[in-house]
Amino acid sequence: MRLNAVLDPIHESTERFIATVRTLSDAQIRQPSLVPPWTRGHTITHVARAGDSLCRLLAWARTGVETPQYSSMEARAAEIDAGAARPTAELVADVAAGADRFAEAVRALPEDAWQAEVRMRTGELRTPHTLVPARLRELEVHHADLAAGYGFADIPPAAARWIIDDIAAEFARRDGAPALRIEALDSDLAHDLGGPADSRTTPLIAGTQAALLAWLTGRSTGADLNIAGAEKVPAAPYWI
């Protein structure tokens, strides 16, 4: 595992996120995000606390001592609410300090810990090999959620590709997910979501990676996507 290859994209994503947060006034922090009923402050605080939650899972992988991602969903919500109204400067400092803690937790993993399975709050089992890059998902999707000039089209193609691949893999593990096929028009990305897929009857949804990612994460109705095999683009399956 080349740590820099994993951590550099996360660091760059964090820097972009922080740069956007710095442009917001304290009043703008309290305005709605794209994740109702959260304000921008809620979303930023969530990004910081989610990083800490991944540190707990990495400690589990490193020590073998079961450490839940969150003590409870109520505690998770309370942490986010408690930090949502802070001034911009405090939010920036929180995200930056959390990024340092996360990078330190990753670098502290011994080689054998990268194969250790830990359980996310959703019940999903992961090893650090996919848990660490999942930080990109939090940063990039919630950066767009700030509705502050950074959209899904601004996400680097490699990061968007990884996030879409990760979401598709999650759908593949589900029972009863509707059969859909997605294809990107600006890359060779293609996935069957749910299943079993049948090339003759499975609806095909096509668009740019950015448009597909916005739809897959529930941030778009898919109006800018093309569909064959159905009258309209359906709502994406609930993904997390």
C-alpha atoms as a PDB file:
ATOM      1  CA  MET A   1       0.000   0.000   0.000  1.00  0.00           C
ATOM      2  CA  ARG A   2       1.519   3.299  -1.138  1.00  0.00           C
ATOM      3  CA  LEU A   3       0.185   5.652   1.504  1.00  0.00           C
ATOM      4  CA  ASN A   4       0.779   8.815  -0.492  1.00  0.00           C
ATOM      5  CA  ALA A   5      -1.235   7.438  -3.406  1.00  0.00           C
ATOM      6  CA  VAL A   6      -4.155   7.004  -1.002  1.00  0.00           C
ATOM      7  CA  LEU A   7      -3.733  10.086   1.160  1.00  0.00           C
ATOM      8  CA  ASP A   8      -2.774  12.691  -1.475  1.00  0.00           C
ATOM      9  CA  PRO A   9      -6.215  12.753  -3.209  1.00  0.00           C
ATOM     10  CA  ILE A  10      -7.898  12.973   0.213  1.00  0.00           C
ATOM     11  CA  HIS A  11      -5.614  15.845   1.243  1.00  0.00           C
ATOM     12  CA  GLU A  12      -6.321  17.685  -2.016  1.00  0.00           C
ATOM     13  CA  SER A  13     -10.062  17.137  -1.592  1.00  0.00           C
ATOM     14  CA  THR A  14      -9.864  18.443   1.978  1.00  0.00           C
ATOM     15  CA  GLU A  15      -8.015  21.557   0.836  1.00  0.00           C
ATOM     16  CA  ARG A  16     -10.685  22.275  -1.786  1.00  0.00           C
ATOM     17  CA  PHE A  17     -13.431  21.785   0.797  1.00  0.00           C
ATOM     18  CA  ILE A  18     -11.729  24.096   3.298  1.00  0.00           C
ATOM     19  CA  ALA A  19     -11.132  26.732   0.606  1.00  0.00           C
ATOM     20  CA  THR A  20     -14.866  26.836  -0.104  1.00  0.00           C
ATOM     21  CA  VAL A  21     -15.798  26.993   3.580  1.00  0.00           C
ATOM     22  CA  ARG A  22     -13.444  29.956   4.030  1.00  0.00           C
ATOM     23  CA  THR A  23     -15.425  31.938   1.442  1.00  0.00           C
ATOM     24  CA  LEU A  24     -18.601  31.694   3.536  1.00  0.00           C
ATOM     25  CA  SER A  25     -19.628  34.346   6.018  1.00  0.00           C
ATOM     26  CA  ASP A  26     -20.948  33.384   9.432  1.00  0.00           C
ATOM     27  CA  ALA A  27     -24.442  34.244   8.146  1.00  0.00           C
ATOM     28  CA  GLN A  28     -24.016  32.039   5.075  1.00  0.00           C
ATOM     29  CA  ILE A  29     -22.965  29.154   7.308  1.00  0.00           C
ATOM     30  CA  ARG A  30     -26.492  29.179   8.736  1.00  0.00           C
ATOM     31  CA  GLN A  31     -28.182  28.990   5.323  1.00  0.00           C
ATOM     32  CA  PRO A  32     -29.609  25.734   3.928  1.00  0.00           C
ATOM     33  CA  SER A  33     -27.424  23.091   2.327  1.00  0.00           C
ATOM     34  CA  LEU A  34     -28.557  20.534  -0.248  1.00  0.00           C
ATOM     35  CA  VAL A  35     -29.194  18.060   2.612  1.00  0.00           C
ATOM     36  CA  PRO A  36     -32.391  19.319   4.251  1.00  0.00           C
ATOM     37  CA  PRO A  37     -32.923  20.085   7.064  1.00  0.00           C
ATOM     38  CA  TRP A  38     -29.176  20.616   7.496  1.00  0.00           C
ATOM     39  CA  THR A  39     -27.646  24.047   7.144  1.00  0.00           C
ATOM     40  CA  ARG A  40     -24.185  24.457   5.679  1.00  0.00           C
ATOM     41  CA  GLY A  41     -22.896  24.444   9.256  1.00  0.00           C
ATOM     42  CA  HIS A  42     -24.496  21.060   9.866  1.00  0.00           C
ATOM     43  CA  THR A  43     -22.927  19.666   6.703  1.00  0.00           C
ATOM     44  CA  ILE A  44     -19.456  21.000   7.526  1.00  0.00           C
ATOM     45  CA  THR A  45     -19.664  19.687  11.084  1.00  0.00           C
ATOM     46  CA  HIS A  46     -20.784  16.319   9.762  1.00  0.00           C
ATOM     47  CA  VAL A  47     -17.730  16.147   7.502  1.00  0.00           C
ATOM     48  CA  ALA A  48     -15.475  16.800  10.508  1.00  0.00           C
ATOM     49  CA  ARG A  49     -17.204  14.283  12.794  1.00  0.00           C
ATOM     50  CA  ALA A  50     -17.405  11.654  10.031  1.00  0.00           C
ATOM     51  CA  GLY A  51     -13.621  11.837   9.749  1.00  0.00           C
ATOM     52  CA  ASP A  52     -13.344  11.184  13.476  1.00  0.00           C
ATOM     53  CA  SER A  53     -15.721   8.246  13.112  1.00  0.00           C
ATOM     54  CA  LEU A  54     -13.411   6.711  10.506  1.00  0.00           C
ATOM     55  CA  CYS A  55     -10.505   7.164  12.908  1.00  0.00           C
ATOM     56  CA  ARG A  56     -12.393   5.010  15.404  1.00  0.00           C
ATOM     57  CA  LEU A  57     -12.837   2.295  12.799  1.00  0.00           C
ATOM     58  CA  LEU A  58      -9.155   2.493  11.893  1.00  0.00           C
ATOM     59  CA  ALA A  59      -8.289   2.097  15.578  1.00  0.00           C
ATOM     60  CA  TRP A  60     -10.445  -1.046  15.564  1.00  0.00           C
ATOM     61  CA  ALA A  61      -8.537  -2.379  12.558  1.00  0.00           C
ATOM     62  CA  ARG A  62      -5.197  -1.536  14.182  1.00  0.00           C
ATOM     63  CA  THR A  63      -5.869  -2.882  17.680  1.00  0.00           C
ATOM     64  CA  GLY A  64      -8.497  -5.560  17.116  1.00  0.00           C
ATOM     65  CA  VAL A  65     -10.629  -3.952  19.847  1.00  0.00           C
ATOM     66  CA  GLU A  66     -14.153  -3.437  18.519  1.00  0.00           C
ATOM     67  CA  THR A  67     -14.838   0.290  18.391  1.00  0.00           C
ATOM     68  CA  PRO A  68     -18.135   1.405  16.842  1.00  0.00           C
ATOM     69  CA  GLN A  69     -18.152   4.177  14.298  1.00  0.00           C
ATOM     70  CA  TYR A  70     -20.680   6.068  16.471  1.00  0.00           C
ATOM     71  CA  SER A  71     -21.881   5.251  19.976  1.00  0.00           C
ATOM     72  CA  SER A  72     -25.435   5.776  18.684  1.00  0.00           C
ATOM     73  CA  MET A  73     -27.241   7.591  15.910  1.00  0.00           C
ATOM     74  CA  GLU A  74     -28.669   9.945  18.543  1.00  0.00           C
ATOM     75  CA  ALA A  75     -25.150  10.857  19.671  1.00  0.00           C
ATOM     76  CA  ARG A  76     -24.142  11.378  16.037  1.00  0.00           C
ATOM     77  CA  ALA A  77     -27.045  13.785  15.468  1.00  0.00           C
ATOM     78  CA  ALA A  78     -26.332  15.628  18.736  1.00  0.00           C
ATOM     79  CA  GLU A  79     -22.688  16.205  17.749  1.00  0.00           C
ATOM     80  CA  ILE A  80     -23.716  17.636  14.403  1.00  0.00           C
ATOM     81  CA  ASP A  81     -26.355  19.904  15.947  1.00  0.00           C
ATOM     82  CA  ALA A  82     -23.931  21.116  18.603  1.00  0.00           C
ATOM     83  CA  GLY A  83     -21.371  22.267  16.054  1.00  0.00           C
ATOM     84  CA  ALA A  84     -23.601  23.621  13.312  1.00  0.00           C
ATOM     85  CA  ALA A  85     -23.828  27.263  14.422  1.00  0.00           C
ATOM     86  CA  ARG A  86     -20.116  27.877  14.994  1.00  0.00           C
ATOM     87  CA  PRO A  87     -18.343  30.732  13.185  1.00  0.00           C
ATOM     88  CA  THR A  88     -16.623  30.000   9.893  1.00  0.00           C
ATOM     89  CA  ALA A  89     -13.144  30.180  11.409  1.00  0.00           C
ATOM     90  CA  GLU A  90     -13.979  27.523  13.999  1.00  0.00           C
ATOM     91  CA  LEU A  91     -15.440  25.216  11.366  1.00  0.00           C
ATOM     92  CA  VAL A  92     -12.349  25.581   9.175  1.00  0.00           C
ATOM     93  CA  ALA A  93     -10.072  24.804  12.120  1.00  0.00           C
ATOM     94  CA  ASP A  94     -12.180  21.767  13.049  1.00  0.00           C
ATOM     95  CA  VAL A  95     -12.068  20.262   9.562  1.00  0.00           C
ATOM     96  CA  ALA A  96      -8.319  20.916   9.257  1.00  0.00           C
ATOM     97  CA  ALA A  97      -7.515  19.376  12.645  1.00  0.00           C
ATOM     98  CA  GLY A  98      -9.706  16.377  11.855  1.00  0.00           C
ATOM     99  CA  ALA A  99      -7.882  15.877   8.562  1.00  0.00           C
ATOM    100  CA  ASP A 100      -4.576  15.709  10.439  1.00  0.00           C
ATOM    101  CA  ARG A 101      -6.009  13.138  12.860  1.00  0.00           C
ATOM    102  CA  PHE A 102      -7.297  11.029   9.986  1.00  0.00           C
ATOM    103  CA  ALA A 103      -3.977  11.067   8.126  1.00  0.00           C
ATOM    104  CA  GLU A 104      -2.162  10.136  11.336  1.00  0.00           C
ATOM    105  CA  ALA A 105      -4.570   7.230  11.944  1.00  0.00           C
ATOM    106  CA  VAL A 106      -3.980   5.937   8.416  1.00  0.00           C
ATOM    107  CA  ARG A 107      -0.205   6.168   8.727  1.00  0.00           C
ATOM    108  CA  ALA A 108      -0.340   4.320  12.058  1.00  0.00           C
ATOM    109  CA  LEU A 109      -1.848   1.197  10.462  1.00  0.00           C
ATOM    110  CA  PRO A 110       0.557  -1.750  10.401  1.00  0.00           C
ATOM    111  CA  GLU A 111       0.579  -3.839   7.257  1.00  0.00           C
ATOM    112  CA  ASP A 112      -1.631  -6.626   8.624  1.00  0.00           C
ATOM    113  CA  ALA A 113      -4.300  -4.132   9.775  1.00  0.00           C
ATOM    114  CA  TRP A 114      -5.095  -3.264   6.160  1.00  0.00           C
ATOM    115  CA  GLN A 115      -6.769  -6.693   5.881  1.00  0.00           C
ATOM    116  CA  ALA A 116      -8.803  -6.403   9.104  1.00  0.00           C
ATOM    117  CA  GLU A 117     -12.575  -6.173   8.712  1.00  0.00           C
ATOM    118  CA  VAL A 118     -14.502  -3.536  10.642  1.00  0.00           C
ATOM    119  CA  ARG A 119     -18.203  -2.775  10.602  1.00  0.00           C
ATOM    120  CA  MET A 120     -19.542   0.594   9.501  1.00  0.00           C
ATOM    121  CA  ARG A 121     -22.657   2.130  11.063  1.00  0.00           C
ATOM    122  CA  THR A 122     -24.692   0.769   8.133  1.00  0.00           C
ATOM    123  CA  GLY A 123     -23.636  -2.778   9.022  1.00  0.00           C
ATOM    124  CA  GLU A 124     -21.338  -2.991   6.020  1.00  0.00           C
ATOM    125  CA  LEU A 125     -18.016  -4.764   6.544  1.00  0.00           C
ATOM    126  CA  ARG A 126     -14.920  -3.082   5.118  1.00  0.00           C
ATOM    127  CA  THR A 127     -11.179  -3.306   5.388  1.00  0.00           C
ATOM    128  CA  PRO A 128      -9.074  -0.129   5.427  1.00  0.00           C
ATOM    129  CA  HIS A 129      -8.322  -0.714   1.734  1.00  0.00           C
ATOM    130  CA  THR A 130     -11.801   0.635   0.880  1.00  0.00           C
ATOM    131  CA  LEU A 131     -12.578   2.386   4.160  1.00  0.00           C
ATOM    132  CA  VAL A 132      -9.811   4.971   3.732  1.00  0.00           C
ATOM    133  CA  PRO A 133     -10.748   6.035   0.169  1.00  0.00           C
ATOM    134  CA  ALA A 134     -14.369   6.328   1.355  1.00  0.00           C
ATOM    135  CA  ARG A 135     -13.256   9.594   2.931  1.00  0.00           C
ATOM    136  CA  LEU A 136     -13.234  10.990  -0.606  1.00  0.00           C
ATOM    137  CA  ARG A 137     -16.935  10.226  -0.836  1.00  0.00           C
ATOM    138  CA  GLU A 138     -17.706  12.268   2.276  1.00  0.00           C
ATOM    139  CA  LEU A 139     -15.591  15.207   1.203  1.00  0.00           C
ATOM    140  CA  GLU A 140     -16.614  15.447  -2.440  1.00  0.00           C
ATOM    141  CA  VAL A 141     -20.351  14.776  -2.130  1.00  0.00           C
ATOM    142  CA  HIS A 142     -20.752  17.065   0.867  1.00  0.00           C
ATOM    143  CA  HIS A 143     -18.623  19.736  -0.793  1.00  0.00           C
ATOM    144  CA  ALA A 144     -21.261  19.854  -3.522  1.00  0.00           C
ATOM    145  CA  ASP A 145     -23.932  19.844  -0.812  1.00  0.00           C
ATOM    146  CA  LEU A 146     -22.690  23.213   0.436  1.00  0.00           C
ATOM    147  CA  ALA A 147     -24.208  24.835  -2.694  1.00  0.00           C
ATOM    148  CA  ALA A 148     -21.396  27.352  -2.607  1.00  0.00           C
ATOM    149  CA  GLY A 149     -19.967  27.240  -6.116  1.00  0.00           C
ATOM    150  CA  TYR A 150     -18.590  23.685  -6.140  1.00  0.00           C
ATOM    151  CA  GLY A 151     -20.772  21.189  -7.980  1.00  0.00           C
ATOM    152  CA  PHE A 152     -20.594  17.585  -9.075  1.00  0.00           C
ATOM    153  CA  ALA A 153     -18.983  18.668 -12.353  1.00  0.00           C
ATOM    154  CA  ASP A 154     -16.063  20.054 -10.307  1.00  0.00           C
ATOM    155  CA  ILE A 155     -15.222  16.709  -8.708  1.00  0.00           C
ATOM    156  CA  PRO A 156     -12.009  15.325 -10.256  1.00  0.00           C
ATOM    157  CA  PRO A 157     -12.879  12.520 -12.703  1.00  0.00           C
ATOM    158  CA  ALA A 158     -10.772   9.931 -10.848  1.00  0.00           C
ATOM    159  CA  ALA A 159     -12.521  10.718  -7.564  1.00  0.00           C
ATOM    160  CA  ALA A 160     -15.970  10.677  -9.179  1.00  0.00           C
ATOM    161  CA  ARG A 161     -15.142   7.336 -10.775  1.00  0.00           C
ATOM    162  CA  TRP A 162     -14.081   5.806  -7.463  1.00  0.00           C
ATOM    163  CA  ILE A 163     -17.209   7.047  -5.686  1.00  0.00           C
ATOM    164  CA  ILE A 164     -19.505   5.687  -8.402  1.00  0.00           C
ATOM    165  CA  ASP A 165     -17.670   2.346  -8.374  1.00  0.00           C
ATOM    166  CA  ASP A 166     -18.045   2.217  -4.591  1.00  0.00           C
ATOM    167  CA  ILE A 167     -21.775   2.981  -4.690  1.00  0.00           C
ATOM    168  CA  ALA A 168     -22.302   0.375  -7.407  1.00  0.00           C
ATOM    169  CA  ALA A 169     -20.467  -2.222  -5.312  1.00  0.00           C
ATOM    170  CA  GLU A 170     -22.757  -1.420  -2.394  1.00  0.00           C
ATOM    171  CA  PHE A 171     -25.847  -1.928  -4.574  1.00  0.00           C
ATOM    172  CA  ALA A 172     -24.449  -5.256  -5.787  1.00  0.00           C
ATOM    173  CA  ARG A 173     -24.442  -6.537  -2.197  1.00  0.00           C
ATOM    174  CA  ARG A 174     -28.141  -5.792  -1.712  1.00  0.00           C
ATOM    175  CA  ASP A 175     -31.091  -8.084  -2.126  1.00  0.00           C
ATOM    176  CA  GLY A 176     -33.992  -6.735  -4.131  1.00  0.00           C
ATOM    177  CA  ALA A 177     -32.304  -3.700  -5.691  1.00  0.00           C
ATOM    178  CA  PRO A 178     -33.957  -2.895  -9.054  1.00  0.00           C
ATOM    179  CA  ALA A 179     -32.039  -3.920 -12.171  1.00  0.00           C
ATOM    180  CA  LEU A 180     -30.532  -0.854 -13.841  1.00  0.00           C
ATOM    181  CA  ARG A 181     -27.479  -0.301 -15.991  1.00  0.00           C
ATOM    182  CA  ILE A 182     -25.476   2.918 -15.992  1.00  0.00           C
ATOM    183  CA  GLU A 183     -22.914   4.068 -18.526  1.00  0.00           C
ATOM    184  CA  ALA A 184     -20.810   7.226 -18.576  1.00  0.00           C
ATOM    185  CA  LEU A 185     -20.587   9.220 -21.784  1.00  0.00           C
ATOM    186  CA  ASP A 186     -17.220  10.751 -20.844  1.00  0.00           C
ATOM    187  CA  SER A 187     -15.378   7.611 -19.681  1.00  0.00           C
ATOM    188  CA  ASP A 188     -15.543   3.840 -19.966  1.00  0.00           C
ATOM    189  CA  LEU A 189     -17.462   3.533 -16.692  1.00  0.00           C
ATOM    190  CA  ALA A 190     -20.329   1.021 -16.828  1.00  0.00           C
ATOM    191  CA  HIS A 191     -22.154  -0.812 -14.046  1.00  0.00           C
ATOM    192  CA  ASP A 192     -25.133  -3.043 -13.497  1.00  0.00           C
ATOM    193  CA  LEU A 193     -26.980  -1.849 -10.404  1.00  0.00           C
ATOM    194  CA  GLY A 194     -29.004  -4.504  -8.657  1.00  0.00           C
ATOM    195  CA  GLY A 195     -29.987  -7.364 -10.819  1.00  0.00           C
ATOM    196  CA  PRO A 196     -30.101  -9.678 -12.456  1.00  0.00           C
ATOM    197  CA  ALA A 197     -29.514  -7.507 -15.509  1.00  0.00           C
ATOM    198  CA  ASP A 198     -30.852  -8.458 -18.941  1.00  0.00           C
ATOM    199  CA  SER A 199     -29.541  -6.517 -21.920  1.00  0.00           C
ATOM    200  CA  ARG A 200     -32.960  -6.790 -23.597  1.00  0.00           C
ATOM    201  CA  THR A 201     -35.082  -5.446 -20.742  1.00  0.00           C
ATOM    202  CA  THR A 202     -32.862  -3.683 -18.184  1.00  0.00           C
ATOM    203  CA  PRO A 203     -33.188   0.121 -18.426  1.00  0.00           C
ATOM    204  CA  LEU A 204     -29.970   1.845 -19.485  1.00  0.00           C
ATOM    205  CA  ILE A 205     -29.166   5.219 -17.929  1.00  0.00           C
ATOM    206  CA  ALA A 206     -26.383   7.230 -19.556  1.00  0.00           C
ATOM    207  CA  GLY A 207     -24.771  10.578 -18.888  1.00  0.00           C
ATOM    208  CA  THR A 208     -21.580  12.204 -17.722  1.00  0.00           C
ATOM    209  CA  GLN A 209     -19.914  10.845 -14.606  1.00  0.00           C
ATOM    210  CA  ALA A 210     -20.889  14.043 -12.796  1.00  0.00           C
ATOM    211  CA  ALA A 211     -24.559  13.686 -13.737  1.00  0.00           C
ATOM    212  CA  LEU A 212     -24.594   9.998 -12.826  1.00  0.00           C
ATOM    213  CA  LEU A 213     -23.000  10.699  -9.449  1.00  0.00           C
ATOM    214  CA  ALA A 214     -25.457  13.481  -8.630  1.00  0.00           C
ATOM    215  CA  TRP A 215     -28.341  11.123  -9.460  1.00  0.00           C
ATOM    216  CA  LEU A 216     -26.888   8.112  -7.620  1.00  0.00           C
ATOM    217  CA  THR A 217     -26.486  10.148  -4.441  1.00  0.00           C
ATOM    218  CA  GLY A 218     -30.020  11.519  -4.608  1.00  0.00           C
ATOM    219  CA  ARG A 219     -28.947  15.086  -5.340  1.00  0.00           C
ATOM    220  CA  SER A 220     -30.510  15.070  -8.814  1.00  0.00           C
ATOM    221  CA  THR A 221     -33.697  13.715 -10.355  1.00  0.00           C
ATOM    222  CA  GLY A 222     -31.695  12.641 -13.387  1.00  0.00           C
ATOM    223  CA  ALA A 223     -33.271  15.174 -15.728  1.00  0.00           C
ATOM    224  CA  ASP A 224     -29.900  15.591 -17.465  1.00  0.00           C
ATOM    225  CA  LEU A 225     -29.485  11.841 -18.035  1.00  0.00           C
ATOM    226  CA  ASN A 226     -30.577   9.745 -21.012  1.00  0.00           C
ATOM    227  CA  ILE A 227     -32.607   6.585 -20.555  1.00  0.00           C
ATOM    228  CA  ALA A 228     -33.448   3.664 -22.807  1.00  0.00           C
ATOM    229  CA  GLY A 229     -35.853   0.923 -21.862  1.00  0.00           C
ATOM    230  CA  ALA A 230     -38.075   3.049 -19.627  1.00  0.00           C
ATOM    231  CA  GLU A 231     -40.184   6.172 -19.934  1.00  0.00           C
ATOM    232  CA  LYS A 232     -38.199   8.259 -17.447  1.00  0.00           C
ATOM    233  CA  VAL A 233     -35.194   8.071 -15.193  1.00  0.00           C
ATOM    234  CA  PRO A 234     -36.319   6.520 -11.904  1.00  0.00           C
ATOM    235  CA  ALA A 235     -35.264   7.724  -8.496  1.00  0.00           C
ATOM    236  CA  ALA A 236     -31.932   6.159  -7.614  1.00  0.00           C
ATOM    237  CA  PRO A 237     -31.987   3.433  -4.955  1.00  0.00           C
ATOM    238  CA  TYR A 238     -31.273   4.704  -1.456  1.00  0.00           C
ATOM    239  CA  TRP A 239     -27.522   4.363  -1.220  1.00  0.00           C
ATOM    240  CA  ILE A 240     -26.357   4.845   2.408  1.00  0.00           C
END
